Amino acid sequence: MRKKVVIITIAVVLLAGVWLYKGYLYKEVRNISKEAPAYTLTADELVSQYTNNQQQANADYLNKTIQITGNVTQVSDSVVTINSLIVCCFDEKPNAPANSKIITIKGRCIGYDELFNEVKLDQCTIKP
């Protein structure tokens, strides 16, 4: 009788472990480029909301897919800066237009950098 209880307990623990691993710990990586944007706004609107109320802006945008439109102010290897205040990081070198051109970018908002007064996005893609 005691042997059955031990075997059943071990089986339940193993099944719970498999369920925990498959359902909770092992998740696929988000593919931001395939997600629909939760918010679509201009670069100036995004920066304004972060400078006026950072806590509310974080509640609205942090770790969400957003789409922004603004002027390209700087292009480097894998980073495009929009309106001098939004830093968009790409996984690979983007095919971005020249400075002062209007661009629409979709990415995941990773927050506001108070030191540089910049909003940061990662996993960005350029929208046509």
C-alpha atoms as a PDB file:
ATOM      1  CA  MET A   1       0.000   0.000   0.000  1.00  0.00           C
ATOM      2  CA  ARG A   2       2.766   2.424   0.933  1.00  0.00           C
ATOM      3  CA  LYS A   3       4.590   1.553  -2.284  1.00  0.00           C
ATOM      4  CA  LYS A   4       1.554   2.582  -4.374  1.00  0.00           C
ATOM      5  CA  VAL A   5       1.335   5.954  -2.624  1.00  0.00           C
ATOM      6  CA  VAL A   6       5.030   6.635  -3.290  1.00  0.00           C
ATOM      7  CA  ILE A   7       4.706   5.659  -6.968  1.00  0.00           C
ATOM      8  CA  ILE A   8       1.592   7.804  -7.434  1.00  0.00           C
ATOM      9  CA  THR A   9       3.269  10.756  -5.691  1.00  0.00           C
ATOM     10  CA  ILE A  10       6.356  10.471  -7.905  1.00  0.00           C
ATOM     11  CA  ALA A  11       4.162  10.236 -11.018  1.00  0.00           C
ATOM     12  CA  VAL A  12       2.186  13.336 -10.015  1.00  0.00           C
ATOM     13  CA  VAL A  13       5.386  15.292  -9.305  1.00  0.00           C
ATOM     14  CA  LEU A  14       6.875  14.256 -12.662  1.00  0.00           C
ATOM     15  CA  LEU A  15       3.714  15.205 -14.543  1.00  0.00           C
ATOM     16  CA  ALA A  16       3.598  18.547 -12.749  1.00  0.00           C
ATOM     17  CA  GLY A  17       7.250  19.118 -13.659  1.00  0.00           C
ATOM     18  CA  VAL A  18       6.632  18.361 -17.331  1.00  0.00           C
ATOM     19  CA  TRP A  19       3.571  20.632 -17.353  1.00  0.00           C
ATOM     20  CA  LEU A  20       5.536  23.432 -15.681  1.00  0.00           C
ATOM     21  CA  TYR A  21       8.413  23.107 -18.140  1.00  0.00           C
ATOM     22  CA  LYS A  22       6.232  22.986 -21.253  1.00  0.00           C
ATOM     23  CA  GLY A  23       3.581  25.480 -20.254  1.00  0.00           C
ATOM     24  CA  TYR A  24       5.413  28.019 -18.173  1.00  0.00           C
ATOM     25  CA  LEU A  25       9.180  27.925 -18.504  1.00  0.00           C
ATOM     26  CA  TYR A  26       9.517  27.046 -22.173  1.00  0.00           C
ATOM     27  CA  LYS A  27       7.878  29.727 -24.281  1.00  0.00           C
ATOM     28  CA  GLU A  28       8.607  30.732 -27.829  1.00  0.00           C
ATOM     29  CA  VAL A  29      10.340  34.051 -28.380  1.00  0.00           C
ATOM     30  CA  ARG A  30       8.023  36.873 -29.400  1.00  0.00           C
ATOM     31  CA  ASN A  31       8.224  37.863 -33.039  1.00  0.00           C
ATOM     32  CA  ILE A  32       7.484  41.571 -32.911  1.00  0.00           C
ATOM     33  CA  SER A  33       7.539  41.913 -36.703  1.00  0.00           C
ATOM     34  CA  LYS A  34       4.504  39.606 -36.967  1.00  0.00           C
ATOM     35  CA  GLU A  35       2.527  41.192 -34.121  1.00  0.00           C
ATOM     36  CA  ALA A  36      -0.045  43.887 -34.752  1.00  0.00           C
ATOM     37  CA  PRO A  37       0.895  47.144 -33.017  1.00  0.00           C
ATOM     38  CA  ALA A  38      -0.981  47.822 -29.800  1.00  0.00           C
ATOM     39  CA  TYR A  39      -0.535  51.577 -30.371  1.00  0.00           C
ATOM     40  CA  THR A  40       0.156  53.718 -33.438  1.00  0.00           C
ATOM     41  CA  LEU A  41       1.380  57.243 -32.796  1.00  0.00           C
ATOM     42  CA  THR A  42       3.853  59.890 -33.879  1.00  0.00           C
ATOM     43  CA  ALA A  43       7.307  60.212 -32.397  1.00  0.00           C
ATOM     44  CA  ASP A  44       6.423  63.568 -30.847  1.00  0.00           C
ATOM     45  CA  GLU A  45       3.337  62.101 -29.140  1.00  0.00           C
ATOM     46  CA  LEU A  46       5.361  59.242 -27.650  1.00  0.00           C
ATOM     47  CA  VAL A  47       8.118  61.512 -26.334  1.00  0.00           C
ATOM     48  CA  SER A  48       5.562  63.978 -24.961  1.00  0.00           C
ATOM     49  CA  GLN A  49       3.751  61.255 -23.044  1.00  0.00           C
ATOM     50  CA  TYR A  50       7.002  59.965 -21.533  1.00  0.00           C
ATOM     51  CA  THR A  51       8.213  63.423 -20.512  1.00  0.00           C
ATOM     52  CA  ASN A  52       4.830  64.429 -19.026  1.00  0.00           C
ATOM     53  CA  ASN A  53       4.071  61.242 -17.065  1.00  0.00           C
ATOM     54  CA  GLN A  54       6.652  58.471 -17.254  1.00  0.00           C
ATOM     55  CA  GLN A  55       4.754  56.069 -14.985  1.00  0.00           C
ATOM     56  CA  GLN A  56       1.575  56.275 -17.054  1.00  0.00           C
ATOM     57  CA  ALA A  57       3.529  55.980 -20.313  1.00  0.00           C
ATOM     58  CA  ASN A  58       5.296  52.870 -18.987  1.00  0.00           C
ATOM     59  CA  ALA A  59       1.931  51.379 -18.042  1.00  0.00           C
ATOM     60  CA  ASP A  60       0.655  52.074 -21.559  1.00  0.00           C
ATOM     61  CA  TYR A  61       3.665  51.213 -23.738  1.00  0.00           C
ATOM     62  CA  LEU A  62       6.332  49.235 -21.854  1.00  0.00           C
ATOM     63  CA  ASN A  63       6.989  45.819 -23.428  1.00  0.00           C
ATOM     64  CA  LYS A  64       4.216  46.396 -25.970  1.00  0.00           C
ATOM     65  CA  THR A  65       4.460  46.506 -29.750  1.00  0.00           C
ATOM     66  CA  ILE A  66       4.088  50.080 -30.963  1.00  0.00           C
ATOM     67  CA  GLN A  67       4.312  51.748 -34.339  1.00  0.00           C
ATOM     68  CA  ILE A  68       5.738  55.258 -34.574  1.00  0.00           C
ATOM     69  CA  THR A  69       6.213  57.751 -37.381  1.00  0.00           C
ATOM     70  CA  GLY A  70       8.814  60.502 -37.352  1.00  0.00           C
ATOM     71  CA  ASN A  71      11.848  62.053 -39.003  1.00  0.00           C
ATOM     72  CA  VAL A  72      15.110  60.120 -39.250  1.00  0.00           C
ATOM     73  CA  THR A  73      17.854  62.087 -37.494  1.00  0.00           C
ATOM     74  CA  GLN A  74      20.644  59.502 -37.365  1.00  0.00           C
ATOM     75  CA  VAL A  75      21.411  56.091 -38.860  1.00  0.00           C
ATOM     76  CA  SER A  76      24.198  53.796 -37.646  1.00  0.00           C
ATOM     77  CA  ASP A  77      24.942  50.073 -37.975  1.00  0.00           C
ATOM     78  CA  SER A  78      21.837  48.684 -36.293  1.00  0.00           C
ATOM     79  CA  VAL A  79      20.272  51.798 -34.770  1.00  0.00           C
ATOM     80  CA  VAL A  80      18.011  54.475 -36.224  1.00  0.00           C
ATOM     81  CA  THR A  81      17.264  57.613 -34.214  1.00  0.00           C
ATOM     82  CA  ILE A  82      13.949  59.352 -34.817  1.00  0.00           C
ATOM     83  CA  ASN A  83      13.342  63.004 -33.923  1.00  0.00           C
ATOM     84  CA  SER A  84      16.627  62.867 -31.938  1.00  0.00           C
ATOM     85  CA  LEU A  85      14.711  61.358 -28.998  1.00  0.00           C
ATOM     86  CA  ILE A  86      13.647  57.834 -29.986  1.00  0.00           C
ATOM     87  CA  VAL A  87      16.323  55.168 -30.397  1.00  0.00           C
ATOM     88  CA  CYS A  88      15.219  52.196 -32.503  1.00  0.00           C
ATOM     89  CA  CYS A  89      17.437  49.095 -32.324  1.00  0.00           C
ATOM     90  CA  PHE A  90      17.308  46.541 -35.132  1.00  0.00           C
ATOM     91  CA  ASP A  91      18.487  42.932 -35.125  1.00  0.00           C
ATOM     92  CA  GLU A  92      20.429  43.579 -38.320  1.00  0.00           C
ATOM     93  CA  LYS A  93      21.466  46.649 -40.303  1.00  0.00           C
ATOM     94  CA  PRO A  94      18.289  48.405 -41.455  1.00  0.00           C
ATOM     95  CA  ASN A  95      17.655  49.715 -44.945  1.00  0.00           C
ATOM     96  CA  ALA A  96      16.727  53.125 -43.553  1.00  0.00           C
ATOM     97  CA  PRO A  97      16.223  56.281 -45.591  1.00  0.00           C
ATOM     98  CA  ALA A  98      18.545  59.259 -45.331  1.00  0.00           C
ATOM     99  CA  ASN A  99      18.312  61.818 -42.553  1.00  0.00           C
ATOM    100  CA  SER A 100      15.302  64.160 -42.477  1.00  0.00           C
ATOM    101  CA  LYS A 101      13.071  61.603 -44.215  1.00  0.00           C
ATOM    102  CA  ILE A 102       9.812  60.493 -42.618  1.00  0.00           C
ATOM    103  CA  ILE A 103       9.802  56.846 -41.556  1.00  0.00           C
ATOM    104  CA  THR A 104       7.397  54.454 -39.837  1.00  0.00           C
ATOM    105  CA  ILE A 105       8.919  51.881 -37.491  1.00  0.00           C
ATOM    106  CA  LYS A 106       7.330  49.085 -35.490  1.00  0.00           C
ATOM    107  CA  GLY A 107       9.085  47.738 -32.405  1.00  0.00           C
ATOM    108  CA  ARG A 108       8.844  46.812 -28.738  1.00  0.00           C
ATOM    109  CA  CYS A 109       9.051  49.706 -26.296  1.00  0.00           C
ATOM    110  CA  ILE A 110      11.688  48.980 -23.662  1.00  0.00           C
ATOM    111  CA  GLY A 111      11.324  52.224 -21.760  1.00  0.00           C
ATOM    112  CA  TYR A 112      12.595  55.726 -21.218  1.00  0.00           C
ATOM    113  CA  ASP A 113      16.241  56.530 -20.541  1.00  0.00           C
ATOM    114  CA  GLU A 114      16.217  59.486 -18.149  1.00  0.00           C
ATOM    115  CA  LEU A 115      19.950  60.066 -18.507  1.00  0.00           C
ATOM    116  CA  PHE A 116      19.756  60.706 -22.253  1.00  0.00           C
ATOM    117  CA  ASN A 117      16.045  61.679 -22.351  1.00  0.00           C
ATOM    118  CA  GLU A 118      15.356  59.024 -24.988  1.00  0.00           C
ATOM    119  CA  VAL A 119      12.624  56.472 -25.551  1.00  0.00           C
ATOM    120  CA  LYS A 120      14.073  53.119 -26.589  1.00  0.00           C
ATOM    121  CA  LEU A 121      12.622  50.467 -28.881  1.00  0.00           C
ATOM    122  CA  ASP A 122      14.122  47.102 -29.794  1.00  0.00           C
ATOM    123  CA  GLN A 123      13.333  44.352 -32.323  1.00  0.00           C
ATOM    124  CA  CYS A 124      12.382  47.090 -34.772  1.00  0.00           C
ATOM    125  CA  THR A 125      11.272  46.759 -38.379  1.00  0.00           C
ATOM    126  CA  ILE A 126      10.710  49.465 -40.966  1.00  0.00           C
ATOM    127  CA  LYS A 127       7.157  49.614 -42.271  1.00  0.00           C
ATOM    128  CA  PRO A 128       6.600  50.454 -45.955  1.00  0.00           C
END
